[in-house]
Amino acid sequence: MKRIVLVLSVVSIFLTGCFETTEEITLNEDGSGVLSNTSDMSAVINLMKNMGGADGLDKLTEQRLDTSISLGVMADSITGLSAEEKASLQHGTMRVKMDGKEEKYFTNLRFDFNNPEQISSFNKLSAKILGNRIKDMAGKEAAASGLGDKMPEVTSFEDYYDLSYSKGEIKRTINKERYAKASSDEYLSGLKESSGMGIPITATYIINLPRPAEKVEGKNVTLSEDKKKITVKVDIDDFFDSPEKLEFKIKY
C-alpha cells in the first residue's frame, strides 16, 4: 500500500512539472518581452528514493546534468502538439540542471514573445512540454504499478483565470464559470493531497515592467521599491481556499 501511495504522489507531482514554480515575465516598452518558467522538482528525487526498487533509479540519482537546448529541435518528439505549437517552439529554449546526489533538479523554459497576447499560449505549451518530459521519467514506475492509465490530465492555476493586457495595464481575474468546476479537477486535487503529505506546492509570479507602476491592486501583490517589479506568491491552498489571492490589476 505504501508503495502505491508513493507512486501516486510521484505521478501526480511529476505531472505538475514541479513542486515550486516561478513564472517571470519581462516586458519591453513596445510590448515584446521574455517569458521564463522555472520548475524546482528537487523533492521528486528524494521521493523516488523512498519508493525503492524503481527501474533505473540508481542511474537517475547518480546523474549530473546542466544543458540547454533549442525547443525547436524537440518538436517532433513531443506528442500532442499542433502544427502551430510546433512552430512556436522555434521561439523557445529549455535548460535542465540536475544533480542526483545533491537531490537538485531544475527545469527552465524560456520564450521570446512579440506581444503579451502570446504569453497564455506559451504557458500552455510549457505545460505540455514538461508533462511529456515528466511522463517519460515516471512512466516505468507508473506502468509497473498499474497506474499508467490513471494519470490525470495536466492542468494549472492559470486555466481558471483570465489574463488580459492593454496599453499600460495588466489584469488577471477569476473565470467564475471555469473555477466552479475546480473541485473536480483530478490533477490539482492530487496536488492538494500531496501538499497534505508535507510537500510544498507553490507558485511565484513575477512581472518586470518597462516603467514604474502607477497603481497596483491585489490581495497578495508585492511591489518593489522602484515600482517596476511585481511579485505574487501563492500555494495550492490559496488556489482552493482563497482564489482571489491570485488576482491582480496593474497600471503603469
C-alpha atoms as a PDB file:
ATOM      1  CA  MET A   1       0.000   0.000   0.000  1.00  0.00           C
ATOM      2  CA  LYS A   2       2.800   2.438   0.889  1.00  0.00           C
ATOM      3  CA  ARG A   3       4.400   1.850  -2.486  1.00  0.00           C
ATOM      4  CA  ILE A   4       1.132   2.574  -4.319  1.00  0.00           C
ATOM      5  CA  VAL A   5       0.629   5.812  -2.367  1.00  0.00           C
ATOM      6  CA  LEU A   6       4.170   6.911  -3.162  1.00  0.00           C
ATOM      7  CA  VAL A   7       3.762   6.105  -6.838  1.00  0.00           C
ATOM      8  CA  LEU A   8       0.551   8.103  -6.949  1.00  0.00           C
ATOM      9  CA  SER A   9       2.354  11.012  -5.324  1.00  0.00           C
ATOM     10  CA  VAL A  10       5.244  10.790  -7.762  1.00  0.00           C
ATOM     11  CA  VAL A  11       2.897  10.586 -10.746  1.00  0.00           C
ATOM     12  CA  SER A  12       0.804  13.494  -9.521  1.00  0.00           C
ATOM     13  CA  ILE A  13       3.774  15.686  -8.711  1.00  0.00           C
ATOM     14  CA  PHE A  14       5.774  14.678 -11.758  1.00  0.00           C
ATOM     15  CA  LEU A  15       2.887  15.718 -13.949  1.00  0.00           C
ATOM     16  CA  THR A  16       2.816  19.152 -12.366  1.00  0.00           C
ATOM     17  CA  GLY A  17       6.328  19.530 -13.643  1.00  0.00           C
ATOM     18  CA  CYS A  18       7.201  20.958 -10.280  1.00  0.00           C
ATOM     19  CA  PHE A  19       6.871  21.408  -6.577  1.00  0.00           C
ATOM     20  CA  GLU A  20       7.774  25.057  -6.826  1.00  0.00           C
ATOM     21  CA  THR A  21       7.327  27.074  -9.977  1.00  0.00           C
ATOM     22  CA  THR A  22       8.363  30.596 -10.878  1.00  0.00           C
ATOM     23  CA  GLU A  23       6.832  32.347 -13.854  1.00  0.00           C
ATOM     24  CA  GLU A  24       8.686  35.546 -14.747  1.00  0.00           C
ATOM     25  CA  ILE A  25       7.540  37.960 -17.446  1.00  0.00           C
ATOM     26  CA  THR A  26       9.802  40.766 -18.613  1.00  0.00           C
ATOM     27  CA  LEU A  27       8.007  43.389 -20.683  1.00  0.00           C
ATOM     28  CA  ASN A  28       9.608  45.888 -23.033  1.00  0.00           C
ATOM     29  CA  GLU A  29       8.118  49.264 -23.882  1.00  0.00           C
ATOM     30  CA  ASP A  30       6.994  48.044 -27.329  1.00  0.00           C
ATOM     31  CA  GLY A  31       5.085  45.058 -25.856  1.00  0.00           C
ATOM     32  CA  SER A  32       7.692  42.440 -26.690  1.00  0.00           C
ATOM     33  CA  GLY A  33       9.481  40.548 -23.970  1.00  0.00           C
ATOM     34  CA  VAL A  34      10.544  37.262 -22.400  1.00  0.00           C
ATOM     35  CA  LEU A  35       8.570  34.572 -20.564  1.00  0.00           C
ATOM     36  CA  SER A  36      10.581  32.343 -18.227  1.00  0.00           C
ATOM     37  CA  ASN A  37       9.062  29.328 -16.449  1.00  0.00           C
ATOM     38  CA  THR A  38      11.281  27.657 -13.844  1.00  0.00           C
ATOM     39  CA  SER A  39      10.277  24.433 -12.077  1.00  0.00           C
ATOM     40  CA  ASP A  40      12.039  23.122  -8.976  1.00  0.00           C
ATOM     41  CA  MET A  41      11.415  19.374  -8.854  1.00  0.00           C
ATOM     42  CA  SER A  42      14.217  18.564  -6.419  1.00  0.00           C
ATOM     43  CA  ALA A  43      11.918  16.836  -3.932  1.00  0.00           C
ATOM     44  CA  VAL A  44      10.934  14.275  -6.576  1.00  0.00           C
ATOM     45  CA  ILE A  45      14.351  12.622  -6.419  1.00  0.00           C
ATOM     46  CA  ASN A  46      14.100  12.069  -2.677  1.00  0.00           C
ATOM     47  CA  LEU A  47      10.548  10.740  -3.024  1.00  0.00           C
ATOM     48  CA  MET A  48      11.637   8.253  -5.679  1.00  0.00           C
ATOM     49  CA  LYS A  49      14.474   7.083  -3.445  1.00  0.00           C
ATOM     50  CA  ASN A  50      11.933   6.332  -0.726  1.00  0.00           C
ATOM     51  CA  MET A  51       9.972   4.192  -3.160  1.00  0.00           C
ATOM     52  CA  GLY A  52      12.912   1.899  -3.715  1.00  0.00           C
ATOM     53  CA  GLY A  53      13.297  -0.659  -6.470  1.00  0.00           C
ATOM     54  CA  ALA A  54      12.453   1.726  -9.284  1.00  0.00           C
ATOM     55  CA  ASP A  55      13.947   0.511 -12.540  1.00  0.00           C
ATOM     56  CA  GLY A  56      16.875   2.731 -13.432  1.00  0.00           C
ATOM     57  CA  LEU A  57      16.610   4.775 -10.224  1.00  0.00           C
ATOM     58  CA  ASP A  58      20.291   4.312  -9.378  1.00  0.00           C
ATOM     59  CA  LYS A  59      21.264   5.796 -12.718  1.00  0.00           C
ATOM     60  CA  LEU A  60      18.903   8.715 -12.165  1.00  0.00           C
ATOM     61  CA  THR A  61      20.268   9.634  -8.746  1.00  0.00           C
ATOM     62  CA  GLU A  62      23.880   9.425  -9.959  1.00  0.00           C
ATOM     63  CA  GLN A  63      23.314  11.802 -12.856  1.00  0.00           C
ATOM     64  CA  ARG A  64      24.708  15.304 -13.108  1.00  0.00           C
ATOM     65  CA  LEU A  65      23.431  17.469 -15.919  1.00  0.00           C
ATOM     66  CA  ASP A  66      23.484  21.120 -16.913  1.00  0.00           C
ATOM     67  CA  THR A  67      22.461  21.706 -20.502  1.00  0.00           C
ATOM     68  CA  SER A  68      20.396  23.994 -22.728  1.00  0.00           C
ATOM     69  CA  ILE A  69      18.627  23.075 -25.947  1.00  0.00           C
ATOM     70  CA  SER A  70      16.506  24.844 -28.546  1.00  0.00           C
ATOM     71  CA  LEU A  71      12.927  23.638 -28.229  1.00  0.00           C
ATOM     72  CA  GLY A  72      12.614  23.670 -31.999  1.00  0.00           C
ATOM     73  CA  VAL A  73      14.715  20.514 -32.313  1.00  0.00           C
ATOM     74  CA  MET A  74      12.352  18.719 -29.902  1.00  0.00           C
ATOM     75  CA  ALA A  75       9.166  19.489 -31.821  1.00  0.00           C
ATOM     76  CA  ASP A  76       8.716  16.059 -33.431  1.00  0.00           C
ATOM     77  CA  SER A  77       9.456  14.169 -30.192  1.00  0.00           C
ATOM     78  CA  ILE A  78       6.713  15.875 -28.165  1.00  0.00           C
ATOM     79  CA  THR A  79       3.328  14.236 -28.570  1.00  0.00           C
ATOM     80  CA  GLY A  80       0.040  16.083 -28.850  1.00  0.00           C
ATOM     81  CA  LEU A  81       1.333  19.301 -30.408  1.00  0.00           C
ATOM     82  CA  SER A  82      -0.472  21.112 -33.192  1.00  0.00           C
ATOM     83  CA  ALA A  83       1.383  22.468 -36.215  1.00  0.00           C
ATOM     84  CA  GLU A  84       1.056  25.966 -34.760  1.00  0.00           C
ATOM     85  CA  GLU A  85       2.514  24.857 -31.418  1.00  0.00           C
ATOM     86  CA  LYS A  86       5.435  23.174 -33.144  1.00  0.00           C
ATOM     87  CA  ALA A  87       6.142  26.422 -34.976  1.00  0.00           C
ATOM     88  CA  SER A  88       6.001  28.308 -31.664  1.00  0.00           C
ATOM     89  CA  LEU A  89       8.755  26.096 -30.261  1.00  0.00           C
ATOM     90  CA  GLN A  90      11.198  27.904 -32.535  1.00  0.00           C
ATOM     91  CA  HIS A  91      10.907  30.845 -30.113  1.00  0.00           C
ATOM     92  CA  GLY A  92      11.929  28.826 -27.045  1.00  0.00           C
ATOM     93  CA  THR A  93      14.798  27.164 -25.223  1.00  0.00           C
ATOM     94  CA  MET A  94      14.929  24.674 -22.356  1.00  0.00           C
ATOM     95  CA  ARG A  95      17.602  24.372 -19.684  1.00  0.00           C
ATOM     96  CA  VAL A  96      17.832  21.317 -17.439  1.00  0.00           C
ATOM     97  CA  LYS A  97      20.033  21.257 -14.358  1.00  0.00           C
ATOM     98  CA  MET A  98      20.163  18.127 -12.228  1.00  0.00           C
ATOM     99  CA  ASP A  99      22.422  16.691  -9.541  1.00  0.00           C
ATOM    100  CA  GLY A 100      21.154  13.325  -8.308  1.00  0.00           C
ATOM    101  CA  LYS A 101      23.478  13.102  -5.321  1.00  0.00           C
ATOM    102  CA  GLU A 102      22.572  16.577  -4.132  1.00  0.00           C
ATOM    103  CA  GLU A 103      18.894  15.903  -4.944  1.00  0.00           C
ATOM    104  CA  LYS A 104      18.621  19.018  -7.100  1.00  0.00           C
ATOM    105  CA  TYR A 105      16.520  19.160 -10.241  1.00  0.00           C
ATOM    106  CA  PHE A 106      15.529  22.358 -12.072  1.00  0.00           C
ATOM    107  CA  THR A 107      13.942  22.921 -15.459  1.00  0.00           C
ATOM    108  CA  ASN A 108      13.646  26.316 -17.155  1.00  0.00           C
ATOM    109  CA  LEU A 109      11.640  27.100 -20.286  1.00  0.00           C
ATOM    110  CA  ARG A 110      12.215  30.463 -21.946  1.00  0.00           C
ATOM    111  CA  PHE A 111      10.160  32.021 -24.747  1.00  0.00           C
ATOM    112  CA  ASP A 112      10.615  35.322 -26.579  1.00  0.00           C
ATOM    113  CA  PHE A 113       7.310  36.972 -27.482  1.00  0.00           C
ATOM    114  CA  ASN A 114       6.410  39.842 -29.790  1.00  0.00           C
ATOM    115  CA  ASN A 115       3.285  40.884 -27.885  1.00  0.00           C
ATOM    116  CA  PRO A 116       1.791  39.972 -24.478  1.00  0.00           C
ATOM    117  CA  GLU A 117      -1.123  38.093 -26.052  1.00  0.00           C
ATOM    118  CA  GLN A 118       1.318  35.257 -26.804  1.00  0.00           C
ATOM    119  CA  ILE A 119       2.041  34.623 -23.133  1.00  0.00           C
ATOM    120  CA  SER A 120      -1.022  32.461 -22.426  1.00  0.00           C
ATOM    121  CA  SER A 121      -0.326  30.178 -25.393  1.00  0.00           C
ATOM    122  CA  PHE A 122       3.335  29.842 -24.370  1.00  0.00           C
ATOM    123  CA  ASN A 123       2.262  28.899 -20.838  1.00  0.00           C
ATOM    124  CA  LYS A 124       0.012  26.135 -22.188  1.00  0.00           C
ATOM    125  CA  LEU A 125       2.840  24.959 -24.404  1.00  0.00           C
ATOM    126  CA  SER A 126       5.189  24.875 -21.401  1.00  0.00           C
ATOM    127  CA  ALA A 127       2.772  22.593 -19.542  1.00  0.00           C
ATOM    128  CA  LYS A 128       2.690  20.167 -22.480  1.00  0.00           C
ATOM    129  CA  ILE A 129       6.482  20.092 -22.763  1.00  0.00           C
ATOM    130  CA  LEU A 130       7.042  19.429 -19.079  1.00  0.00           C
ATOM    131  CA  GLY A 131       4.177  16.960 -18.954  1.00  0.00           C
ATOM    132  CA  ASN A 132       5.744  14.898 -21.744  1.00  0.00           C
ATOM    133  CA  ARG A 133       9.165  15.025 -20.145  1.00  0.00           C
ATOM    134  CA  ILE A 134       7.970  14.020 -16.711  1.00  0.00           C
ATOM    135  CA  LYS A 135       5.679  11.292 -18.017  1.00  0.00           C
ATOM    136  CA  ASP A 136       8.747   9.724 -19.618  1.00  0.00           C
ATOM    137  CA  MET A 137      10.567   9.800 -16.281  1.00  0.00           C
ATOM    138  CA  ALA A 138       7.662   8.456 -14.229  1.00  0.00           C
ATOM    139  CA  GLY A 139       6.359   6.121 -16.914  1.00  0.00           C
ATOM    140  CA  LYS A 140       8.176   2.924 -15.978  1.00  0.00           C
ATOM    141  CA  GLU A 141       7.296   3.173 -12.307  1.00  0.00           C
ATOM    142  CA  ALA A 142       3.678   4.027 -13.028  1.00  0.00           C
ATOM    143  CA  ALA A 143       3.336   1.217 -15.563  1.00  0.00           C
ATOM    144  CA  ALA A 144       4.869  -1.317 -13.180  1.00  0.00           C
ATOM    145  CA  SER A 145       2.290  -0.364 -10.567  1.00  0.00           C
ATOM    146  CA  GLY A 146      -0.638  -0.473 -12.990  1.00  0.00           C
ATOM    147  CA  LEU A 147      -1.222   3.267 -12.664  1.00  0.00           C
ATOM    148  CA  GLY A 148      -0.139   4.417 -16.106  1.00  0.00           C
ATOM    149  CA  ASP A 149      -3.701   4.766 -17.366  1.00  0.00           C
ATOM    150  CA  LYS A 150      -4.730   6.719 -14.277  1.00  0.00           C
ATOM    151  CA  MET A 151      -2.523   9.732 -14.839  1.00  0.00           C
ATOM    152  CA  PRO A 152      -4.782  12.819 -14.793  1.00  0.00           C
ATOM    153  CA  GLU A 153      -4.769  15.459 -17.493  1.00  0.00           C
ATOM    154  CA  VAL A 154      -2.276  18.206 -16.728  1.00  0.00           C
ATOM    155  CA  THR A 155      -3.894  21.471 -15.616  1.00  0.00           C
ATOM    156  CA  SER A 156      -2.691  24.603 -13.831  1.00  0.00           C
ATOM    157  CA  PHE A 157      -3.895  27.574 -11.797  1.00  0.00           C
ATOM    158  CA  GLU A 158      -3.832  29.672 -14.964  1.00  0.00           C
ATOM    159  CA  ASP A 159      -6.575  27.526 -16.509  1.00  0.00           C
ATOM    160  CA  TYR A 160      -9.058  29.105 -14.094  1.00  0.00           C
ATOM    161  CA  TYR A 161      -8.094  32.744 -14.610  1.00  0.00           C
ATOM    162  CA  ASP A 162      -8.271  35.247 -17.446  1.00  0.00           C
ATOM    163  CA  LEU A 163      -5.109  37.245 -18.096  1.00  0.00           C
ATOM    164  CA  SER A 164      -5.564  40.368 -20.196  1.00  0.00           C
ATOM    165  CA  TYR A 165      -3.235  43.059 -21.495  1.00  0.00           C
ATOM    166  CA  SER A 166      -3.979  46.512 -22.812  1.00  0.00           C
ATOM    167  CA  LYS A 167      -1.737  49.519 -23.239  1.00  0.00           C
ATOM    168  CA  GLY A 168      -0.297  50.267 -19.815  1.00  0.00           C
ATOM    169  CA  GLU A 169      -2.445  47.708 -17.972  1.00  0.00           C
ATOM    170  CA  ILE A 170      -2.203  44.040 -16.963  1.00  0.00           C
ATOM    171  CA  LYS A 171      -5.084  42.270 -15.246  1.00  0.00           C
ATOM    172  CA  ARG A 172      -5.771  38.727 -14.004  1.00  0.00           C
ATOM    173  CA  THR A 173      -9.248  37.787 -12.793  1.00  0.00           C
ATOM    174  CA  ILE A 174     -11.014  34.574 -11.798  1.00  0.00           C
ATOM    175  CA  ASN A 175     -13.079  32.972 -14.531  1.00  0.00           C
ATOM    176  CA  LYS A 176     -16.036  32.114 -12.309  1.00  0.00           C
ATOM    177  CA  GLU A 177     -17.595  29.650 -14.722  1.00  0.00           C
ATOM    178  CA  ARG A 178     -14.402  27.579 -15.025  1.00  0.00           C
ATOM    179  CA  TYR A 179     -13.496  27.931 -11.347  1.00  0.00           C
ATOM    180  CA  ALA A 180     -16.852  26.451 -10.346  1.00  0.00           C
ATOM    181  CA  LYS A 181     -15.502  23.147 -11.710  1.00  0.00           C
ATOM    182  CA  ALA A 182     -12.098  23.353  -9.984  1.00  0.00           C
ATOM    183  CA  SER A 183     -13.080  20.982  -7.181  1.00  0.00           C
ATOM    184  CA  SER A 184     -13.457  18.162  -9.731  1.00  0.00           C
ATOM    185  CA  ASP A 185     -10.002  18.796 -11.237  1.00  0.00           C
ATOM    186  CA  GLU A 186      -8.221  15.492 -10.516  1.00  0.00           C
ATOM    187  CA  TYR A 187      -4.817  16.929 -11.262  1.00  0.00           C
ATOM    188  CA  LEU A 188      -4.978  19.920  -8.899  1.00  0.00           C
ATOM    189  CA  SER A 189      -6.806  17.858  -6.272  1.00  0.00           C
ATOM    190  CA  GLY A 190      -3.887  15.431  -6.415  1.00  0.00           C
ATOM    191  CA  LEU A 191      -1.542  18.322  -5.759  1.00  0.00           C
ATOM    192  CA  LYS A 192      -3.554  19.335  -2.729  1.00  0.00           C
ATOM    193  CA  GLU A 193      -3.282  15.803  -1.366  1.00  0.00           C
ATOM    194  CA  SER A 194       0.477  15.860  -1.938  1.00  0.00           C
ATOM    195  CA  SER A 195       0.649  19.161  -0.075  1.00  0.00           C
ATOM    196  CA  GLY A 196      -1.102  17.453   2.811  1.00  0.00           C
ATOM    197  CA  MET A 197       1.814  14.981   2.920  1.00  0.00           C
ATOM    198  CA  GLY A 198       4.164  17.874   3.670  1.00  0.00           C
ATOM    199  CA  ILE A 199       5.247  18.520   0.079  1.00  0.00           C
ATOM    200  CA  PRO A 200       5.178  22.277  -0.676  1.00  0.00           C
ATOM    201  CA  ILE A 201       3.264  23.160  -3.831  1.00  0.00           C
ATOM    202  CA  THR A 202       3.920  26.842  -4.505  1.00  0.00           C
ATOM    203  CA  ALA A 203       3.853  29.228  -7.438  1.00  0.00           C
ATOM    204  CA  THR A 204       5.550  32.610  -7.745  1.00  0.00           C
ATOM    205  CA  TYR A 205       4.570  35.096 -10.446  1.00  0.00           C
ATOM    206  CA  ILE A 206       6.931  37.952 -11.304  1.00  0.00           C
ATOM    207  CA  ILE A 207       6.312  40.763 -13.771  1.00  0.00           C
ATOM    208  CA  ASN A 208       9.112  43.150 -14.696  1.00  0.00           C
ATOM    209  CA  LEU A 209       7.618  46.353 -16.083  1.00  0.00           C
ATOM    210  CA  PRO A 210       9.285  48.683 -18.602  1.00  0.00           C
ATOM    211  CA  ARG A 211       8.488  51.654 -16.331  1.00  0.00           C
ATOM    212  CA  PRO A 212       7.272  52.189 -12.738  1.00  0.00           C
ATOM    213  CA  ALA A 213       3.753  51.097 -11.834  1.00  0.00           C
ATOM    214  CA  GLU A 214       1.227  53.869 -11.237  1.00  0.00           C
ATOM    215  CA  LYS A 215      -1.300  51.694  -9.408  1.00  0.00           C
ATOM    216  CA  VAL A 216      -1.271  48.094  -8.206  1.00  0.00           C
ATOM    217  CA  GLU A 217      -4.268  46.174  -6.850  1.00  0.00           C
ATOM    218  CA  GLY A 218      -4.325  42.658  -5.423  1.00  0.00           C
ATOM    219  CA  LYS A 219      -4.525  40.946  -2.034  1.00  0.00           C
ATOM    220  CA  ASN A 220      -1.235  39.135  -2.460  1.00  0.00           C
ATOM    221  CA  VAL A 221       0.794  41.564  -4.562  1.00  0.00           C
ATOM    222  CA  THR A 222       4.231  42.835  -3.559  1.00  0.00           C
ATOM    223  CA  LEU A 223       5.723  45.874  -5.325  1.00  0.00           C
ATOM    224  CA  SER A 224       9.465  46.502  -5.438  1.00  0.00           C
ATOM    225  CA  GLU A 225      10.979  49.737  -4.186  1.00  0.00           C
ATOM    226  CA  ASP A 226      11.484  51.056  -7.718  1.00  0.00           C
ATOM    227  CA  LYS A 227       7.866  50.045  -8.565  1.00  0.00           C
ATOM    228  CA  LYS A 228       8.979  48.131 -11.642  1.00  0.00           C
ATOM    229  CA  LYS A 229       8.760  44.581 -10.255  1.00  0.00           C
ATOM    230  CA  ILE A 230       5.503  42.905  -9.181  1.00  0.00           C
ATOM    231  CA  THR A 231       5.556  39.620  -7.253  1.00  0.00           C
ATOM    232  CA  VAL A 232       2.661  37.332  -6.346  1.00  0.00           C
ATOM    233  CA  LYS A 233       3.391  34.160  -4.369  1.00  0.00           C
ATOM    234  CA  VAL A 234       0.711  31.569  -3.650  1.00  0.00           C
ATOM    235  CA  ASP A 235       0.325  27.897  -2.738  1.00  0.00           C
ATOM    236  CA  ILE A 236      -2.169  25.175  -3.572  1.00  0.00           C
ATOM    237  CA  ASP A 237      -4.314  26.019  -0.520  1.00  0.00           C
ATOM    238  CA  ASP A 238      -4.629  29.621  -1.696  1.00  0.00           C
ATOM    239  CA  PHE A 239      -6.000  28.393  -5.012  1.00  0.00           C
ATOM    240  CA  PHE A 240      -8.717  26.272  -3.405  1.00  0.00           C
ATOM    241  CA  ASP A 241      -9.471  28.375  -0.304  1.00  0.00           C
ATOM    242  CA  SER A 242      -8.716  31.972  -1.337  1.00  0.00           C
ATOM    243  CA  PRO A 243      -8.554  32.114  -5.157  1.00  0.00           C
ATOM    244  CA  GLU A 244      -8.754  35.917  -5.122  1.00  0.00           C
ATOM    245  CA  LYS A 245      -5.145  35.915  -3.890  1.00  0.00           C
ATOM    246  CA  LEU A 246      -4.070  35.124  -7.450  1.00  0.00           C
ATOM    247  CA  GLU A 247      -5.891  38.124  -8.898  1.00  0.00           C
ATOM    248  CA  PHE A 248      -4.227  41.453  -9.632  1.00  0.00           C
ATOM    249  CA  LYS A 249      -4.530  44.646 -11.650  1.00  0.00           C
ATOM    250  CA  ILE A 250      -1.512  46.713 -12.631  1.00  0.00           C
ATOM    251  CA  LYS A 251      -1.396  50.105 -14.306  1.00  0.00           C
ATOM    252  CA  TYR A 252       1.935  51.510 -15.473  1.00  0.00           C
END
